Amino acid sequence: MSSITVYTKPACPQCDATKRHLTKKGVEFETVDLTVDTEARDLVTSLGYMSAPVVKSGDAHFSGFRPDRLDKLAELVTV
């Protein structure tokens, strides 16, 4: 399983909920602030996303607070 990266921005309730959910599940992840990392912002927009959070692991990625998708990632990394 690839590492998990959560692309976020400040004062983003969905970003905070995503990070809390992953932490609660015991999943390690990297956080990247899109407001300070222009390369990350370019990557996220190239994937077709215009809002945060964006969760990326390998070739898989999605946007928004998606507990169902986060649970699937947690199952893959804790097996």
PDB file of N, CA and C in Angstrom:
ATOM      1  N   MET A   1       0.846  -1.184   0.000  1.00  0.00           N
ATOM      2  CA  MET A   1       0.000   0.000   0.000  1.00  0.00           C
ATOM      3  C   MET A   1       0.880   1.232   0.000  1.00  0.00           C
ATOM      4  N   SER A   2       0.519   2.177  -0.797  1.00  0.00           N
ATOM      5  CA  SER A   2       1.244   3.443  -0.871  1.00  0.00           C
ATOM      6  C   SER A   2       0.956   4.299   0.354  1.00  0.00           C
ATOM      7  N   SER A   3       1.803   5.273   0.552  1.00  0.00           N
ATOM      8  CA  SER A   3       1.559   6.204   1.650  1.00  0.00           C
ATOM      9  C   SER A   3       0.325   7.051   1.336  1.00  0.00           C
ATOM     10  N   ILE A   4      -0.240   7.633   2.369  1.00  0.00           N
ATOM     11  CA  ILE A   4      -1.445   8.453   2.237  1.00  0.00           C
ATOM     12  C   ILE A   4      -1.065   9.908   2.455  1.00  0.00           C
ATOM     13  N   THR A   5      -1.523  10.755   1.547  1.00  0.00           N
ATOM     14  CA  THR A   5      -1.310  12.188   1.674  1.00  0.00           C
ATOM     15  C   THR A   5      -2.664  12.871   1.687  1.00  0.00           C
ATOM     16  N   VAL A   6      -2.838  13.784   2.649  1.00  0.00           N
ATOM     17  CA  VAL A   6      -4.058  14.577   2.735  1.00  0.00           C
ATOM     18  C   VAL A   6      -3.677  16.017   2.413  1.00  0.00           C
ATOM     19  N   TYR A   7      -4.183  16.509   1.293  1.00  0.00           N
ATOM     20  CA  TYR A   7      -3.950  17.888   0.874  1.00  0.00           C
ATOM     21  C   TYR A   7      -5.040  18.751   1.500  1.00  0.00           C
ATOM     22  N   THR A   8      -4.634  19.753   2.262  1.00  0.00           N
ATOM     23  CA  THR A   8      -5.567  20.527   3.066  1.00  0.00           C
ATOM     24  C   THR A   8      -5.381  22.025   2.847  1.00  0.00           C
ATOM     25  N   LYS A   9      -6.237  22.788   3.522  1.00  0.00           N
ATOM     26  CA  LYS A   9      -6.076  24.239   3.601  1.00  0.00           C
ATOM     27  C   LYS A   9      -6.531  24.664   4.993  1.00  0.00           C
ATOM     28  N   PRO A  10      -6.089  25.822   5.472  1.00  0.00           N
ATOM     29  CA  PRO A  10      -6.465  26.282   6.809  1.00  0.00           C
ATOM     30  C   PRO A  10      -7.974  26.543   6.909  1.00  0.00           C
ATOM     31  N   ALA A  11      -8.487  26.409   8.109  1.00  0.00           N
ATOM     32  CA  ALA A  11      -9.893  26.699   8.420  1.00  0.00           C
ATOM     33  C   ALA A  11     -10.842  25.901   7.532  1.00  0.00           C
ATOM     34  N   CYS A  12     -10.524  24.634   7.326  1.00  0.00           N
ATOM     35  CA  CYS A  12     -11.319  23.750   6.466  1.00  0.00           C
ATOM     36  C   CYS A  12     -11.919  22.638   7.323  1.00  0.00           C
ATOM     37  N   PRO A  13     -13.219  22.728   7.643  1.00  0.00           N
ATOM     38  CA  PRO A  13     -13.844  21.710   8.489  1.00  0.00           C
ATOM     39  C   PRO A  13     -13.758  20.300   7.909  1.00  0.00           C
ATOM     40  N   GLN A  14     -13.905  20.159   6.598  1.00  0.00           N
ATOM     41  CA  GLN A  14     -13.815  18.828   5.994  1.00  0.00           C
ATOM     42  C   GLN A  14     -12.388  18.283   6.084  1.00  0.00           C
ATOM     43  N   CYS A  15     -11.411  19.167   5.966  1.00  0.00           N
ATOM     44  CA  CYS A  15     -10.014  18.752   6.114  1.00  0.00           C
ATOM     45  C   CYS A  15      -9.764  18.243   7.531  1.00  0.00           C
ATOM     46  N   ASP A  16     -10.232  19.003   8.511  1.00  0.00           N
ATOM     47  CA  ASP A  16     -10.053  18.606   9.905  1.00  0.00           C
ATOM     48  C   ASP A  16     -10.760  17.287  10.196  1.00  0.00           C
ATOM     49  N   ALA A  17     -11.968  17.107   9.669  1.00  0.00           N
ATOM     50  CA  ALA A  17     -12.715  15.865   9.886  1.00  0.00           C
ATOM     51  C   ALA A  17     -11.981  14.682   9.258  1.00  0.00           C
ATOM     52  N   THR A  18     -11.409  14.889   8.088  1.00  0.00           N
ATOM     53  CA  THR A  18     -10.660  13.821   7.414  1.00  0.00           C
ATOM     54  C   THR A  18      -9.453  13.407   8.243  1.00  0.00           C
ATOM     55  N   LYS A  19      -8.698  14.376   8.727  1.00  0.00           N
ATOM     56  CA  LYS A  19      -7.509  14.071   9.531  1.00  0.00           C
ATOM     57  C   LYS A  19      -7.896  13.395  10.843  1.00  0.00           C
ATOM     58  N   ARG A  20      -8.969  13.866  11.485  1.00  0.00           N
ATOM     59  CA  ARG A  20      -9.433  13.230  12.730  1.00  0.00           C
ATOM     60  C   ARG A  20      -9.843  11.787  12.479  1.00  0.00           C
ATOM     61  N   HIS A  21     -10.551  11.544  11.390  1.00  0.00           N
ATOM     62  CA  HIS A  21     -11.026  10.193  11.074  1.00  0.00           C
ATOM     63  C   HIS A  21      -9.846   9.238  10.868  1.00  0.00           C
ATOM     64  N   LEU A  22      -8.868   9.664  10.088  1.00  0.00           N
ATOM     65  CA  LEU A  22      -7.704   8.813   9.856  1.00  0.00           C
ATOM     66  C   LEU A  22      -6.925   8.568  11.147  1.00  0.00           C
ATOM     67  N   THR A  23      -6.775   9.602  11.948  1.00  0.00           N
ATOM     68  CA  THR A  23      -6.066   9.468  13.223  1.00  0.00           C
ATOM     69  C   THR A  23      -6.803   8.497  14.145  1.00  0.00           C
ATOM     70  N   LYS A  24      -8.126   8.622  14.213  1.00  0.00           N
ATOM     71  CA  LYS A  24      -8.937   7.729  15.044  1.00  0.00           C
ATOM     72  C   LYS A  24      -8.783   6.271  14.612  1.00  0.00           C
ATOM     73  N   LYS A  25      -8.612   6.050  13.309  1.00  0.00           N
ATOM     74  CA  LYS A  25      -8.443   4.697  12.771  1.00  0.00           C
ATOM     75  C   LYS A  25      -7.013   4.195  12.916  1.00  0.00           C
ATOM     76  N   GLY A  26      -6.109   5.043  13.410  1.00  0.00           N
ATOM     77  CA  GLY A  26      -4.718   4.644  13.590  1.00  0.00           C
ATOM     78  C   GLY A  26      -3.912   4.641  12.309  1.00  0.00           C
ATOM     79  N   VAL A  27      -4.345   5.434  11.326  1.00  0.00           N
ATOM     80  CA  VAL A  27      -3.689   5.481  10.025  1.00  0.00           C
ATOM     81  C   VAL A  27      -2.671   6.621   9.999  1.00  0.00           C
ATOM     82  N   GLU A  28      -1.452   6.298   9.573  1.00  0.00           N
ATOM     83  CA  GLU A  28      -0.437   7.334   9.403  1.00  0.00           C
ATOM     84  C   GLU A  28      -0.634   8.006   8.052  1.00  0.00           C
ATOM     85  N   PHE A  29      -0.453   9.317   8.021  1.00  0.00           N
ATOM     86  CA  PHE A  29      -0.622  10.066   6.789  1.00  0.00           C
ATOM     87  C   PHE A  29       0.221  11.325   6.843  1.00  0.00           C
ATOM     88  N   GLU A  30       0.482  11.852   5.670  1.00  0.00           N
ATOM     89  CA  GLU A  30       1.199  13.123   5.540  1.00  0.00           C
ATOM     90  C   GLU A  30       0.172  14.201   5.218  1.00  0.00           C
ATOM     91  N   THR A  31       0.352  15.384   5.789  1.00  0.00           N
ATOM     92  CA  THR A  31      -0.522  16.519   5.503  1.00  0.00           C
ATOM     93  C   THR A  31       0.259  17.563   4.712  1.00  0.00           C
ATOM     94  N   VAL A  32      -0.358  18.060   3.630  1.00  0.00           N
ATOM     95  CA  VAL A  32       0.268  19.092   2.811  1.00  0.00           C
ATOM     96  C   VAL A  32      -0.713  20.258   2.711  1.00  0.00           C
ATOM     97  N   ASP A  33      -0.256  21.441   3.096  1.00  0.00           N
ATOM     98  CA  ASP A  33      -1.080  22.651   3.051  1.00  0.00           C
ATOM     99  C   ASP A  33      -1.022  23.242   1.644  1.00  0.00           C
ATOM    100  N   LEU A  34      -2.155  23.238   0.962  1.00  0.00           N
ATOM    101  CA  LEU A  34      -2.218  23.721  -0.413  1.00  0.00           C
ATOM    102  C   LEU A  34      -1.992  25.226  -0.537  1.00  0.00           C
ATOM    103  N   THR A  35      -2.150  25.950   0.566  1.00  0.00           N
ATOM    104  CA  THR A  35      -1.966  27.407   0.494  1.00  0.00           C
ATOM    105  C   THR A  35      -0.502  27.813   0.522  1.00  0.00           C
ATOM    106  N   VAL A  36       0.381  26.889   0.890  1.00  0.00           N
ATOM    107  CA  VAL A  36       1.808  27.221   0.933  1.00  0.00           C
ATOM    108  C   VAL A  36       2.645  26.382  -0.035  1.00  0.00           C
ATOM    109  N   ASP A  37       2.112  25.294  -0.525  1.00  0.00           N
ATOM    110  CA  ASP A  37       2.851  24.406  -1.426  1.00  0.00           C
ATOM    111  C   ASP A  37       2.258  24.496  -2.831  1.00  0.00           C
ATOM    112  N   THR A  38       2.873  25.315  -3.680  1.00  0.00           N
ATOM    113  CA  THR A  38       2.318  25.536  -5.024  1.00  0.00           C
ATOM    114  C   THR A  38       2.402  24.286  -5.891  1.00  0.00           C
ATOM    115  N   GLU A  39       3.442  23.471  -5.724  1.00  0.00           N
ATOM    116  CA  GLU A  39       3.537  22.232  -6.502  1.00  0.00           C
ATOM    117  C   GLU A  39       2.400  21.287  -6.143  1.00  0.00           C
ATOM    118  N   ALA A  40       2.071  21.201  -4.861  1.00  0.00           N
ATOM    119  CA  ALA A  40       0.962  20.351  -4.425  1.00  0.00           C
ATOM    120  C   ALA A  40      -0.355  20.889  -4.972  1.00  0.00           C
ATOM    121  N   ARG A  41      -0.519  22.201  -4.941  1.00  0.00           N
ATOM    122  CA  ARG A  41      -1.738  22.806  -5.486  1.00  0.00           C
ATOM    123  C   ARG A  41      -1.876  22.497  -6.972  1.00  0.00           C
ATOM    124  N   ASP A  42      -0.774  22.567  -7.707  1.00  0.00           N
ATOM    125  CA  ASP A  42      -0.795  22.238  -9.127  1.00  0.00           C
ATOM    126  C   ASP A  42      -1.150  20.763  -9.354  1.00  0.00           C
ATOM    127  N   LEU A  43      -0.620  19.880  -8.507  1.00  0.00           N
ATOM    128  CA  LEU A  43      -0.940  18.454  -8.611  1.00  0.00           C
ATOM    129  C   LEU A  43      -2.431  18.223  -8.397  1.00  0.00           C
ATOM    130  N   VAL A  44      -2.973  18.816  -7.350  1.00  0.00           N
ATOM    131  CA  VAL A  44      -4.390  18.627  -7.022  1.00  0.00           C
ATOM    132  C   VAL A  44      -5.287  19.158  -8.146  1.00  0.00           C
ATOM    133  N   THR A  45      -4.955  20.304  -8.689  1.00  0.00           N
ATOM    134  CA  THR A  45      -5.782  20.833  -9.788  1.00  0.00           C
ATOM    135  C   THR A  45      -5.615  19.989 -11.047  1.00  0.00           C
ATOM    136  N   SER A  46      -4.434  19.418 -11.271  1.00  0.00           N
ATOM    137  CA  SER A  46      -4.236  18.553 -12.437  1.00  0.00           C
ATOM    138  C   SER A  46      -5.057  17.270 -12.322  1.00  0.00           C
ATOM    139  N   LEU A  47      -5.378  16.880 -11.098  1.00  0.00           N
ATOM    140  CA  LEU A  47      -6.230  15.710 -10.876  1.00  0.00           C
ATOM    141  C   LEU A  47      -7.712  16.057 -11.036  1.00  0.00           C
ATOM    142  N   GLY A  48      -7.997  17.359 -11.200  1.00  0.00           N
ATOM    143  CA  GLY A  48      -9.370  17.794 -11.439  1.00  0.00           C
ATOM    144  C   GLY A  48     -10.102  18.322 -10.222  1.00  0.00           C
ATOM    145  N   TYR A  49      -9.386  18.546  -9.124  1.00  0.00           N
ATOM    146  CA  TYR A  49     -10.034  18.996  -7.896  1.00  0.00           C
ATOM    147  C   TYR A  49      -9.851  20.498  -7.704  1.00  0.00           C
ATOM    148  N   MET A  50     -10.910  21.123  -7.192  1.00  0.00           N
ATOM    149  CA  MET A  50     -10.871  22.555  -6.926  1.00  0.00           C
ATOM    150  C   MET A  50     -11.130  22.865  -5.451  1.00  0.00           C
ATOM    151  N   SER A  51     -11.328  21.832  -4.628  1.00  0.00           N
ATOM    152  CA  SER A  51     -11.589  22.059  -3.210  1.00  0.00           C
ATOM    153  C   SER A  51     -10.847  21.018  -2.382  1.00  0.00           C
ATOM    154  N   ALA A  52     -10.636  21.341  -1.135  1.00  0.00           N
ATOM    155  CA  ALA A  52      -9.933  20.463  -0.202  1.00  0.00           C
ATOM    156  C   ALA A  52     -10.950  19.864   0.769  1.00  0.00           C
ATOM    157  N   PRO A  53     -10.596  18.753   1.366  1.00  0.00           N
ATOM    158  CA  PRO A  53      -9.347  18.016   1.252  1.00  0.00           C
ATOM    159  C   PRO A  53      -9.338  17.115   0.019  1.00  0.00           C
ATOM    160  N   VAL A  54      -8.140  16.792  -0.397  1.00  0.00           N
ATOM    161  CA  VAL A  54      -7.934  15.752  -1.400  1.00  0.00           C
ATOM    162  C   VAL A  54      -7.053  14.703  -0.739  1.00  0.00           C
ATOM    163  N   VAL A  55      -7.513  13.462  -0.775  1.00  0.00           N
ATOM    164  CA  VAL A  55      -6.768  12.349  -0.202  1.00  0.00           C
ATOM    165  C   VAL A  55      -6.205  11.546  -1.367  1.00  0.00           C
ATOM    166  N   LYS A  56      -4.896  11.276  -1.304  1.00  0.00           N
ATOM    167  CA  LYS A  56      -4.248  10.532  -2.384  1.00  0.00           C
ATOM    168  C   LYS A  56      -3.391   9.428  -1.796  1.00  0.00           C
ATOM    169  N   SER A  57      -3.519   8.245  -2.385  1.00  0.00           N
ATOM    170  CA  SER A  57      -2.694   7.106  -2.020  1.00  0.00           C
ATOM    171  C   SER A  57      -2.414   6.320  -3.297  1.00  0.00           C
ATOM    172  N   GLY A  58      -1.172   6.361  -3.752  1.00  0.00           N
ATOM    173  CA  GLY A  58      -0.838   5.722  -5.024  1.00  0.00           C
ATOM    174  C   GLY A  58      -1.592   6.404  -6.150  1.00  0.00           C
ATOM    175  N   ASP A  59      -2.252   5.607  -6.975  1.00  0.00           N
ATOM    176  CA  ASP A  59      -3.036   6.157  -8.082  1.00  0.00           C
ATOM    177  C   ASP A  59      -4.456   6.517  -7.668  1.00  0.00           C
ATOM    178  N   ALA A  60      -4.865   6.126  -6.467  1.00  0.00           N
ATOM    179  CA  ALA A  60      -6.229   6.399  -5.987  1.00  0.00           C
ATOM    180  C   ALA A  60      -6.285   7.773  -5.338  1.00  0.00           C
ATOM    181  N   HIS A  61      -7.385   8.498  -5.593  1.00  0.00           N
ATOM    182  CA  HIS A  61      -7.557   9.806  -4.978  1.00  0.00           C
ATOM    183  C   HIS A  61      -9.024  10.181  -4.983  1.00  0.00           C
ATOM    184  N   PHE A  62      -9.386  11.025  -4.013  1.00  0.00           N
ATOM    185  CA  PHE A  62     -10.750  11.528  -3.915  1.00  0.00           C
ATOM    186  C   PHE A  62     -10.742  12.826  -3.136  1.00  0.00           C
ATOM    187  N   SER A  63     -11.852  13.543  -3.233  1.00  0.00           N
ATOM    188  CA  SER A  63     -11.967  14.840  -2.586  1.00  0.00           C
ATOM    189  C   SER A  63     -13.120  14.819  -1.592  1.00  0.00           C
ATOM    190  N   GLY A  64     -12.983  15.647  -0.554  1.00  0.00           N
ATOM    191  CA  GLY A  64     -14.043  15.791   0.435  1.00  0.00           C
ATOM    192  C   GLY A  64     -13.880  14.832   1.598  1.00  0.00           C
ATOM    193  N   PHE A  65     -14.700  15.035   2.611  1.00  0.00           N
ATOM    194  CA  PHE A  65     -14.708  14.138   3.775  1.00  0.00           C
ATOM    195  C   PHE A  65     -15.564  12.940   3.415  1.00  0.00           C
ATOM    196  N   ARG A  66     -14.911  11.801   3.168  1.00  0.00           N
ATOM    197  CA  ARG A  66     -15.580  10.583   2.719  1.00  0.00           C
ATOM    198  C   ARG A  66     -15.256   9.449   3.683  1.00  0.00           C
ATOM    199  N   PRO A  67     -16.005   9.342   4.788  1.00  0.00           N
ATOM    200  CA  PRO A  67     -15.702   8.293   5.760  1.00  0.00           C
ATOM    201  C   PRO A  67     -15.661   6.895   5.149  1.00  0.00           C
ATOM    202  N   ASP A  68     -16.530   6.618   4.181  1.00  0.00           N
ATOM    203  CA  ASP A  68     -16.538   5.301   3.545  1.00  0.00           C
ATOM    204  C   ASP A  68     -15.210   5.014   2.846  1.00  0.00           C
ATOM    205  N   ARG A  69     -14.700   5.970   2.109  1.00  0.00           N
ATOM    206  CA  ARG A  69     -13.428   5.792   1.406  1.00  0.00           C
ATOM    207  C   ARG A  69     -12.256   5.760   2.389  1.00  0.00           C
ATOM    208  N   LEU A  70     -12.345   6.588   3.442  1.00  0.00           N
ATOM    209  CA  LEU A  70     -11.290   6.595   4.459  1.00  0.00           C
ATOM    210  C   LEU A  70     -11.230   5.262   5.188  1.00  0.00           C
ATOM    211  N   ASP A  71     -12.387   4.672   5.472  1.00  0.00           N
ATOM    212  CA  ASP A  71     -12.414   3.362   6.133  1.00  0.00           C
ATOM    213  C   ASP A  71     -11.768   2.298   5.253  1.00  0.00           C
ATOM    214  N   LYS A  72     -12.010   2.344   3.955  1.00  0.00           N
ATOM    215  CA  LYS A  72     -11.389   1.389   3.035  1.00  0.00           C
ATOM    216  C   LYS A  72      -9.866   1.536   3.034  1.00  0.00           C
ATOM    217  N   LEU A  73      -9.392   2.786   3.027  1.00  0.00           N
ATOM    218  CA  LEU A  73      -7.939   3.027   3.107  1.00  0.00           C
ATOM    219  C   LEU A  73      -7.389   2.483   4.418  1.00  0.00           C
ATOM    220  N   ALA A  74      -8.097   2.713   5.508  1.00  0.00           N
ATOM    221  CA  ALA A  74      -7.644   2.248   6.826  1.00  0.00           C
ATOM    222  C   ALA A  74      -7.530   0.726   6.848  1.00  0.00           C
ATOM    223  N   GLU A  75      -8.487   0.045   6.227  1.00  0.00           N
ATOM    224  CA  GLU A  75      -8.424  -1.415   6.169  1.00  0.00           C
ATOM    225  C   GLU A  75      -7.198  -1.883   5.406  1.00  0.00           C
ATOM    226  N   LEU A  76      -6.854  -1.206   4.332  1.00  0.00           N
ATOM    227  CA  LEU A  76      -5.717  -1.606   3.517  1.00  0.00           C
ATOM    228  C   LEU A  76      -4.389  -1.386   4.230  1.00  0.00           C
ATOM    229  N   VAL A  77      -4.270  -0.317   4.985  1.00  0.00           N
ATOM    230  CA  VAL A  77      -2.987  -0.014   5.621  1.00  0.00           C
ATOM    231  C   VAL A  77      -2.805  -0.690   6.966  1.00  0.00           C
ATOM    232  N   THR A  78      -3.893  -1.176   7.576  1.00  0.00           N
ATOM    233  CA  THR A  78      -3.751  -1.819   8.889  1.00  0.00           C
ATOM    234  C   THR A  78      -3.778  -3.335   8.801  1.00  0.00           C
ATOM    235  N   VAL A  79      -3.850  -3.876   7.582  1.00  0.00           N
ATOM    236  CA  VAL A  79      -3.862  -5.334   7.401  1.00  0.00           C
ATOM    237  C   VAL A  79      -2.465  -5.865   7.464  1.00  0.00           C
TER     238      VAL A  79
END
